[in-house]
Protein backbone atom coordinates (compact mmCIF):
# COMPACT_ATOMS: atom_id res chain seq x y z
CA MET A 1 0.00 0.00 0.00
CA PRO A 2 1.17 3.55 -0.60
CA ALA A 3 2.37 5.67 2.27
CA SER A 4 0.15 8.44 3.64
CA GLY A 5 0.82 11.80 2.05
CA THR A 6 0.15 14.02 -0.93
CA TYR A 7 0.57 12.64 -4.43
CA THR A 8 0.68 14.66 -7.64
CA PHE A 9 -0.71 13.30 -10.91
CA ASP A 10 1.81 12.64 -13.64
CA PRO A 11 -0.08 14.29 -16.55
CA GLU A 12 1.96 12.33 -19.12
CA HIS A 13 0.85 9.02 -17.58
CA SER A 14 -2.65 9.91 -16.45
CA ALA A 15 -5.52 9.84 -18.92
CA ILE A 16 -9.26 9.51 -19.25
CA SER A 17 -10.97 7.60 -22.02
CA PHE A 18 -14.65 7.70 -22.84
CA GLU A 19 -17.09 5.91 -25.12
CA TYR A 20 -20.68 6.26 -26.21
CA ASP A 21 -23.03 4.81 -28.83
CA HIS A 22 -23.32 6.84 -32.02
CA ASN A 23 -26.11 7.07 -34.59
CA ASN A 24 -28.63 4.84 -32.82
CA ARG A 25 -26.00 2.23 -31.98
CA LEU A 26 -24.53 1.93 -35.47
CA SER A 27 -21.10 2.38 -33.91
CA GLU A 28 -19.30 3.23 -30.70
CA SER A 29 -17.35 6.46 -30.57
CA TYR A 30 -14.28 6.98 -28.44
CA GLY A 31 -12.20 9.79 -27.09
CA ILE A 32 -9.27 10.38 -24.81
CA ILE A 33 -8.35 13.17 -22.47
CA ARG A 34 -4.65 13.79 -22.03
CA GLY A 35 -2.81 15.99 -19.58
CA VAL A 36 -5.02 15.38 -16.57
CA GLU A 37 -3.62 17.18 -13.52
CA GLY A 38 -4.51 16.69 -9.89
CA THR A 39 -3.60 15.67 -6.39
CA ILE A 40 -4.46 12.78 -4.12
CA VAL A 41 -4.11 13.10 -0.36
CA LEU A 42 -3.90 9.58 1.06
CA ASP A 43 -4.56 8.73 4.67
CA THR A 44 -3.68 5.05 4.99
CA GLU A 45 -4.63 4.95 8.69
CA ASN A 46 -8.12 6.23 7.90
CA PRO A 47 -8.72 5.92 4.13
CA ALA A 48 -12.11 7.64 4.42
CA ASN A 49 -10.18 10.87 5.12
CA SER A 50 -8.42 10.67 1.75
CA THR A 51 -9.21 13.20 -0.98
CA VAL A 52 -8.71 13.65 -4.71
CA GLU A 53 -8.93 16.64 -7.03
CA ALA A 54 -8.42 16.62 -10.78
CA SER A 55 -8.79 19.04 -13.66
CA PHE A 56 -8.03 19.66 -17.31
CA PRO A 57 -9.02 22.19 -19.96
CA MET A 58 -11.68 21.10 -22.42
CA SER A 59 -9.08 21.46 -25.20
CA ASN A 60 -7.41 18.26 -23.91
CA ILE A 61 -10.31 16.17 -25.24
CA VAL A 62 -9.36 14.34 -28.43
CA THR A 63 -11.87 12.27 -30.40
CA THR A 64 -11.51 10.17 -33.53
CA ALA A 65 -11.66 13.17 -35.88
CA PRO A 66 -10.35 16.77 -35.75
CA ALA A 67 -13.69 18.03 -37.16
CA LEU A 68 -15.51 16.35 -34.25
CA ASP A 69 -13.06 17.93 -31.79
CA GLU A 70 -13.97 21.36 -33.19
CA HIS A 71 -17.69 20.50 -33.14
CA ILE A 72 -17.75 19.53 -29.47
CA ARG A 73 -15.99 22.81 -28.61
CA GLY A 74 -18.75 24.70 -30.46
CA LYS A 75 -22.22 25.94 -29.52
CA ASP A 76 -23.88 22.49 -29.69
CA PHE A 77 -21.83 21.22 -26.75
CA PHE A 78 -19.18 23.09 -24.71
CA ASN A 79 -19.46 26.55 -26.33
CA SER A 80 -15.72 27.01 -25.81
CA PRO A 81 -14.13 27.46 -29.25
CA ASP A 82 -10.68 28.00 -27.74
CA GLY A 83 -11.09 24.96 -25.45
CA SER A 84 -10.25 26.89 -22.29
CA SER A 85 -13.32 25.78 -20.31
CA PRO A 86 -12.14 23.76 -17.30
CA ILE A 87 -13.47 20.35 -16.30
CA THR A 88 -12.93 19.55 -12.62
CA PHE A 89 -13.54 16.82 -10.05
CA LYS A 90 -13.31 17.26 -6.28
CA SER A 91 -14.02 14.36 -3.95
CA THR A 92 -16.50 14.74 -1.11
CA LYS A 93 -16.41 11.20 0.29
CA VAL A 94 -14.23 8.09 0.13
CA ASP A 95 -15.72 4.70 1.02
CA PRO A 96 -13.01 2.01 1.17
CA GLU A 97 -14.04 -1.46 0.00
CA GLY A 98 -11.28 -3.78 1.12
CA ASP A 99 -7.56 -3.15 0.72
CA ASP A 100 -7.51 -2.07 -2.91
CA GLU A 101 -10.93 -0.69 -3.86
CA ALA A 102 -13.01 2.33 -2.97
CA LYS A 103 -16.05 4.29 -4.02
CA VAL A 104 -15.05 7.92 -4.37
CA THR A 105 -17.96 10.36 -4.47
CA GLY A 106 -17.35 13.88 -5.66
CA ASP A 107 -18.45 16.94 -7.54
CA LEU A 108 -17.83 16.84 -11.29
CA THR A 109 -18.07 20.20 -13.03
CA ILE A 110 -18.50 20.21 -16.80
CA ASN A 111 -19.80 23.07 -18.90
CA GLY A 112 -20.35 25.15 -15.74
CA VAL A 113 -22.68 22.51 -14.24
CA THR A 114 -21.74 20.58 -11.09
CA LYS A 115 -23.19 17.13 -10.41
CA GLU A 116 -22.32 14.41 -7.93
CA VAL A 117 -20.70 11.30 -9.42
CA VAL A 118 -19.33 8.10 -7.91
CA LEU A 119 -16.06 6.64 -9.15
CA ASP A 120 -15.33 2.94 -8.69
CA VAL A 121 -11.60 3.07 -7.91
CA ASP A 122 -9.05 0.25 -7.94
CA PHE A 123 -5.58 0.63 -6.45
CA ASN A 124 -3.05 -0.91 -8.85
CA ASN A 125 0.41 -0.67 -7.36
CA TYR A 126 2.88 1.41 -5.38
CA ALA A 127 6.49 1.38 -6.55
CA GLU A 128 9.45 3.49 -7.44
CA ASN A 129 9.10 5.01 -10.89
CA PRO A 130 12.17 3.72 -12.75
CA MET A 131 12.56 6.98 -14.68
CA THR A 132 12.00 9.62 -11.98
CA LYS A 133 12.90 7.49 -8.93
CA ALA A 134 9.83 8.96 -7.17
CA MET A 135 7.53 6.65 -5.24
CA THR A 136 4.39 6.41 -7.36
CA ALA A 137 0.89 5.06 -6.83
CA GLY A 138 -1.31 3.81 -9.68
CA PHE A 139 -5.10 3.81 -9.78
CA ASN A 140 -7.87 2.96 -12.24
CA ALA A 141 -11.41 4.26 -11.93
CA GLU A 142 -14.64 4.13 -13.88
CA THR A 143 -18.03 5.77 -13.91
CA THR A 144 -20.91 6.57 -16.24
CA ILE A 145 -22.42 10.02 -16.65
CA LYS A 146 -25.31 11.45 -18.63
CA ARG A 147 -24.41 14.20 -21.07
CA SER A 148 -27.79 15.82 -20.48
CA ASP A 149 -26.92 16.38 -16.80
CA PHE A 150 -24.25 18.84 -18.00
CA ASN A 151 -26.23 20.59 -20.76
CA LEU A 152 -24.42 18.55 -23.43
CA ASP A 153 -27.53 16.84 -24.77
CA ALA A 154 -27.30 17.76 -28.44
CA PHE A 155 -28.50 14.94 -30.71
CA VAL A 156 -29.90 12.73 -27.92
CA PRO A 157 -31.08 10.00 -28.52
CA MET A 158 -29.28 9.66 -31.90
CA VAL A 159 -26.04 10.03 -29.94
CA GLU A 160 -26.36 8.20 -26.63
CA ASP A 161 -26.86 10.28 -23.50
CA GLU A 162 -24.78 7.95 -21.31
CA VAL A 163 -20.99 8.17 -21.55
CA GLU A 164 -18.75 5.51 -20.03
CA ILE A 165 -15.60 6.98 -18.51
CA ASN A 166 -12.38 5.11 -17.64
CA ILE A 167 -9.58 6.81 -15.74
CA SER A 168 -5.96 5.78 -15.27
CA VAL A 169 -3.73 7.76 -12.90
CA GLU A 170 -0.09 7.59 -11.91
CA ALA A 171 0.58 9.91 -8.99
CA ALA A 172 4.00 10.50 -7.43
CA VAL A 173 4.78 11.57 -3.89
CA ALA A 174 4.72 15.37 -3.95
CA GLN A 175 8.17 16.94 -3.73
C-alpha cells in the first residue's frame, strides 16, 4: 500500500478515455483526455479521510476526428471554441471497500454545471518510478455520466446520453 501523504498526478501518464453509442447504436465512438492534472491526499490509517482533485481544460479532449473535436468545442456542446473551459472533479467522500478498492464520491463540473458522481476506484500498485525514482501510486477508476446532466444533450437519442468513462492515474509523492 502507498504511504500516507500528498501525491501529484503525472499528466503524461494519467488519462481519461470515454465511449458512447453513435447514430442509434450503429457504432461506438471513443475519445481520450490527455494531460489530466490533480492531487491525491492519502490517509492510509483512515482511508475515508483521503481526498482527490483533478482538472483539465476542455481542449485536452481528443476524439476520432479533428472536425468532431472542433464541433464539441462549439455551440452544440461546450461553447468554448478555444477549449479553455475547465473540467474539474473534487471528492467529497471516500468509502473504502477492502484493501484495494473504494467508491469515491465527488463533484464533477462540466460546462459550468456541477453534479455528484461516484467513481469505482481500484488501487493498482505502489512502486518506485524507474525513470523519476519517485515513489508512485497507480489507480484505475470508472463511472458513467449522462451528457444531459451537464447541458451537453445535443443529438440525444441519436447520440447516446450515457458516456462511459475510464480513468488511469499515476501519482507521485509530492516533492
